[in-house]
Amino acid sequence: MPRVLLSSPDQKAHLRLEPDPDDQWWILHHVAEPDRPAWYASFGARTAVELIAAFTDALTDPAPAADAPCDPYGALRAGRLVTVR
């Protein structure tokens, strides 16, 4: 069974994959900072990896392009893949 733990260079963000049929499979956790509270996001087994990648991409480049589509499922319908950086 795959188990993955990825950490950001500053060790403040962690992305964990732990397949569990009764729980969330993907969990992204960010530690608290002086001006921001801790937070997390979790995704189930059936969440398209393209949506998880789009979520993590938005964290590293939060300002969307002016012509960016507003439909979150647009990339899936178009058959394009979103890459994880």
N, C-alpha and C. Protein backbone atom coordinates (compact mmCIF):
# COMPACT_ATOMS: atom_id res chain seq x y z
N MET A 1 0.84 -1.17 0.00
CA MET A 1 0.00 0.00 0.00
C MET A 1 0.89 1.24 0.00
N PRO A 2 0.66 2.16 -0.95
CA PRO A 2 1.52 3.34 -1.02
C PRO A 2 1.29 4.29 0.16
N ARG A 3 2.35 4.90 0.60
CA ARG A 3 2.29 5.93 1.64
C ARG A 3 3.34 6.97 1.27
N VAL A 4 2.91 8.22 1.13
CA VAL A 4 3.81 9.28 0.70
C VAL A 4 3.69 10.45 1.66
N LEU A 5 4.81 11.04 2.02
CA LEU A 5 4.83 12.25 2.83
C LEU A 5 5.79 13.23 2.16
N LEU A 6 5.25 14.35 1.70
CA LEU A 6 6.05 15.39 1.07
C LEU A 6 6.04 16.61 1.97
N SER A 7 7.18 17.27 2.11
CA SER A 7 7.30 18.46 2.94
C SER A 7 7.85 19.61 2.12
N SER A 8 7.41 20.81 2.44
CA SER A 8 7.95 21.99 1.79
C SER A 8 9.36 22.24 2.31
N PRO A 9 10.17 22.99 1.56
CA PRO A 9 11.54 23.25 2.01
C PRO A 9 11.61 23.90 3.40
N ASP A 10 10.63 24.72 3.76
CA ASP A 10 10.64 25.36 5.08
C ASP A 10 9.98 24.51 6.16
N GLN A 11 9.54 23.31 5.80
CA GLN A 11 8.90 22.36 6.71
C GLN A 11 7.59 22.87 7.31
N LYS A 12 6.95 23.83 6.65
CA LYS A 12 5.69 24.37 7.16
C LYS A 12 4.47 23.72 6.53
N ALA A 13 4.65 23.11 5.37
CA ALA A 13 3.55 22.46 4.68
C ALA A 13 3.89 20.99 4.45
N HIS A 14 2.90 20.14 4.64
CA HIS A 14 3.09 18.70 4.45
C HIS A 14 1.91 18.14 3.67
N LEU A 15 2.22 17.38 2.64
CA LEU A 15 1.20 16.69 1.86
C LEU A 15 1.38 15.21 2.10
N ARG A 16 0.33 14.57 2.59
CA ARG A 16 0.43 13.16 2.95
C ARG A 16 -0.60 12.35 2.17
N LEU A 17 -0.16 11.22 1.63
CA LEU A 17 -1.03 10.25 0.99
C LEU A 17 -1.00 9.00 1.83
N GLU A 18 -2.13 8.65 2.41
CA GLU A 18 -2.26 7.41 3.17
C GLU A 18 -3.60 6.79 2.82
N PRO A 19 -3.61 5.91 1.83
CA PRO A 19 -4.87 5.29 1.42
C PRO A 19 -5.54 4.53 2.57
N ASP A 20 -6.73 4.93 2.89
CA ASP A 20 -7.53 4.30 3.94
C ASP A 20 -8.97 4.31 3.46
N PRO A 21 -9.58 3.17 3.27
CA PRO A 21 -10.93 3.14 2.71
C PRO A 21 -11.96 3.87 3.58
N ASP A 22 -11.67 4.08 4.84
CA ASP A 22 -12.63 4.72 5.74
C ASP A 22 -12.29 6.17 6.07
N ASP A 23 -11.28 6.73 5.42
CA ASP A 23 -10.85 8.08 5.77
C ASP A 23 -10.41 8.81 4.51
N GLN A 24 -9.99 10.06 4.66
CA GLN A 24 -9.46 10.84 3.55
C GLN A 24 -8.11 10.27 3.12
N TRP A 25 -7.84 10.32 1.81
CA TRP A 25 -6.58 9.75 1.31
C TRP A 25 -5.48 10.79 1.28
N TRP A 26 -5.78 12.00 0.86
CA TRP A 26 -4.80 13.07 0.73
C TRP A 26 -5.07 14.11 1.80
N ILE A 27 -4.05 14.52 2.55
CA ILE A 27 -4.20 15.56 3.55
C ILE A 27 -3.05 16.55 3.39
N LEU A 28 -3.40 17.80 3.19
CA LEU A 28 -2.42 18.88 3.11
C LEU A 28 -2.55 19.69 4.39
N HIS A 29 -1.48 19.81 5.13
CA HIS A 29 -1.49 20.49 6.43
C HIS A 29 -0.44 21.60 6.42
N HIS A 30 -0.81 22.76 6.92
CA HIS A 30 0.13 23.87 7.04
C HIS A 30 0.16 24.32 8.49
N VAL A 31 1.35 24.47 9.04
CA VAL A 31 1.49 24.85 10.45
C VAL A 31 1.15 26.32 10.65
N ALA A 32 0.86 26.68 11.88
CA ALA A 32 0.52 28.06 12.22
C ALA A 32 1.75 28.95 12.08
N GLU A 33 1.52 30.18 11.71
CA GLU A 33 2.55 31.21 11.65
C GLU A 33 2.08 32.37 12.52
N PRO A 34 2.95 33.29 12.87
CA PRO A 34 2.54 34.38 13.76
C PRO A 34 1.30 35.15 13.28
N ASP A 35 1.19 35.34 11.97
CA ASP A 35 0.06 36.11 11.44
C ASP A 35 -1.01 35.25 10.77
N ARG A 36 -0.88 33.91 10.83
CA ARG A 36 -1.85 33.02 10.18
C ARG A 36 -2.08 31.78 11.03
N PRO A 37 -3.33 31.33 11.10
CA PRO A 37 -3.59 30.10 11.87
C PRO A 37 -3.21 28.86 11.05
N ALA A 38 -3.05 27.75 11.73
CA ALA A 38 -2.81 26.48 11.04
C ALA A 38 -4.09 26.11 10.26
N TRP A 39 -3.91 25.36 9.18
CA TRP A 39 -5.05 24.92 8.40
C TRP A 39 -4.73 23.60 7.72
N TYR A 40 -5.77 22.95 7.22
CA TYR A 40 -5.55 21.73 6.45
C TYR A 40 -6.67 21.59 5.42
N ALA A 41 -6.39 20.81 4.41
CA ALA A 41 -7.37 20.45 3.40
C ALA A 41 -7.23 18.95 3.19
N SER A 42 -8.34 18.27 3.01
CA SER A 42 -8.26 16.83 2.78
C SER A 42 -9.11 16.46 1.57
N PHE A 43 -8.70 15.39 0.93
CA PHE A 43 -9.34 14.92 -0.30
C PHE A 43 -9.55 13.43 -0.21
N GLY A 44 -10.70 12.97 -0.67
CA GLY A 44 -11.03 11.56 -0.63
C GLY A 44 -10.41 10.77 -1.78
N ALA A 45 -10.63 9.49 -1.76
CA ALA A 45 -10.05 8.57 -2.73
C ALA A 45 -10.49 8.86 -4.16
N ARG A 46 -11.68 9.37 -4.33
CA ARG A 46 -12.21 9.60 -5.68
C ARG A 46 -11.99 11.02 -6.19
N THR A 47 -11.23 11.82 -5.47
CA THR A 47 -10.91 13.17 -5.93
C THR A 47 -9.92 13.07 -7.08
N ALA A 48 -10.23 13.71 -8.18
CA ALA A 48 -9.34 13.68 -9.34
C ALA A 48 -8.01 14.34 -8.98
N VAL A 49 -6.92 13.70 -9.34
CA VAL A 49 -5.60 14.23 -9.02
C VAL A 49 -5.39 15.60 -9.66
N GLU A 50 -6.07 15.88 -10.76
CA GLU A 50 -5.97 17.18 -11.39
C GLU A 50 -6.51 18.29 -10.48
N LEU A 51 -7.55 17.98 -9.72
CA LEU A 51 -8.10 18.97 -8.78
C LEU A 51 -7.16 19.20 -7.61
N ILE A 52 -6.53 18.15 -7.12
CA ILE A 52 -5.56 18.29 -6.04
C ILE A 52 -4.37 19.10 -6.54
N ALA A 53 -3.91 18.82 -7.75
CA ALA A 53 -2.79 19.57 -8.33
C ALA A 53 -3.16 21.04 -8.52
N ALA A 54 -4.37 21.32 -8.98
CA ALA A 54 -4.81 22.71 -9.15
C ALA A 54 -4.84 23.43 -7.81
N PHE A 55 -5.25 22.73 -6.76
CA PHE A 55 -5.28 23.31 -5.42
C PHE A 55 -3.87 23.66 -4.96
N THR A 56 -2.94 22.73 -5.09
CA THR A 56 -1.57 23.00 -4.66
C THR A 56 -0.91 24.07 -5.54
N ASP A 57 -1.22 24.08 -6.84
CA ASP A 57 -0.70 25.13 -7.72
C ASP A 57 -1.18 26.51 -7.27
N ALA A 58 -2.44 26.59 -6.86
CA ALA A 58 -3.00 27.88 -6.40
C ALA A 58 -2.28 28.37 -5.15
N LEU A 59 -1.77 27.47 -4.35
CA LEU A 59 -1.05 27.88 -3.14
C LEU A 59 0.30 28.49 -3.47
N THR A 60 0.93 28.02 -4.53
CA THR A 60 2.25 28.54 -4.89
C THR A 60 2.17 29.72 -5.85
N ASP A 61 1.05 29.89 -6.53
CA ASP A 61 0.85 31.01 -7.45
C ASP A 61 -0.60 31.46 -7.32
N PRO A 62 -0.95 32.14 -6.22
CA PRO A 62 -2.35 32.44 -5.94
C PRO A 62 -3.02 33.45 -6.86
N ALA A 63 -2.28 34.24 -7.61
CA ALA A 63 -2.90 35.22 -8.49
C ALA A 63 -3.19 34.58 -9.85
N PRO A 64 -4.47 34.32 -10.18
CA PRO A 64 -4.77 33.70 -11.47
C PRO A 64 -4.58 34.71 -12.61
N ALA A 65 -4.30 34.18 -13.76
CA ALA A 65 -4.19 35.02 -14.94
C ALA A 65 -5.55 35.65 -15.24
N ALA A 66 -5.54 36.80 -15.87
CA ALA A 66 -6.79 37.51 -16.16
C ALA A 66 -7.73 36.69 -17.04
N ASP A 67 -7.16 35.84 -17.90
CA ASP A 67 -7.99 35.03 -18.79
C ASP A 67 -8.19 33.60 -18.27
N ALA A 68 -7.90 33.36 -17.00
CA ALA A 68 -8.04 32.02 -16.42
C ALA A 68 -9.51 31.63 -16.38
N PRO A 69 -9.83 30.39 -16.76
CA PRO A 69 -11.21 29.95 -16.70
C PRO A 69 -11.69 29.87 -15.25
N CYS A 70 -12.96 30.16 -15.04
CA CYS A 70 -13.49 30.13 -13.67
C CYS A 70 -14.16 28.80 -13.34
N ASP A 71 -14.24 27.90 -14.29
CA ASP A 71 -14.85 26.59 -14.08
C ASP A 71 -13.81 25.63 -13.51
N PRO A 72 -13.95 25.18 -12.25
CA PRO A 72 -12.94 24.30 -11.68
C PRO A 72 -12.82 22.94 -12.37
N TYR A 73 -13.86 22.54 -13.10
CA TYR A 73 -13.81 21.26 -13.80
C TYR A 73 -13.43 21.41 -15.27
N GLY A 74 -13.12 22.64 -15.70
CA GLY A 74 -12.79 22.89 -17.10
C GLY A 74 -11.62 22.07 -17.61
N ALA A 75 -10.55 21.96 -16.81
CA ALA A 75 -9.39 21.18 -17.24
C ALA A 75 -9.74 19.71 -17.41
N LEU A 76 -10.63 19.20 -16.59
CA LEU A 76 -11.04 17.80 -16.72
C LEU A 76 -11.87 17.59 -17.98
N ARG A 77 -12.80 18.51 -18.23
CA ARG A 77 -13.63 18.38 -19.43
C ARG A 77 -12.81 18.52 -20.71
N ALA A 78 -11.79 19.36 -20.66
CA ALA A 78 -10.95 19.58 -21.84
C ALA A 78 -9.93 18.47 -22.04
N GLY A 79 -9.77 17.61 -21.03
CA GLY A 79 -8.81 16.51 -21.15
C GLY A 79 -7.38 16.94 -20.89
N ARG A 80 -7.18 18.13 -20.33
CA ARG A 80 -5.82 18.60 -20.03
C ARG A 80 -5.44 18.13 -18.64
N LEU A 81 -4.17 17.90 -18.46
CA LEU A 81 -3.66 17.53 -17.15
C LEU A 81 -3.00 18.74 -16.50
N VAL A 82 -3.14 18.86 -15.21
CA VAL A 82 -2.49 19.92 -14.46
C VAL A 82 -1.30 19.30 -13.76
N THR A 83 -0.15 19.93 -13.84
CA THR A 83 1.04 19.35 -13.23
C THR A 83 1.25 19.87 -11.82
N VAL A 84 1.81 19.04 -10.97
CA VAL A 84 2.13 19.44 -9.61
C VAL A 84 3.57 19.93 -9.61
N ARG A 85 3.78 21.09 -9.01
CA ARG A 85 5.14 21.62 -8.94
C ARG A 85 5.78 21.21 -7.66
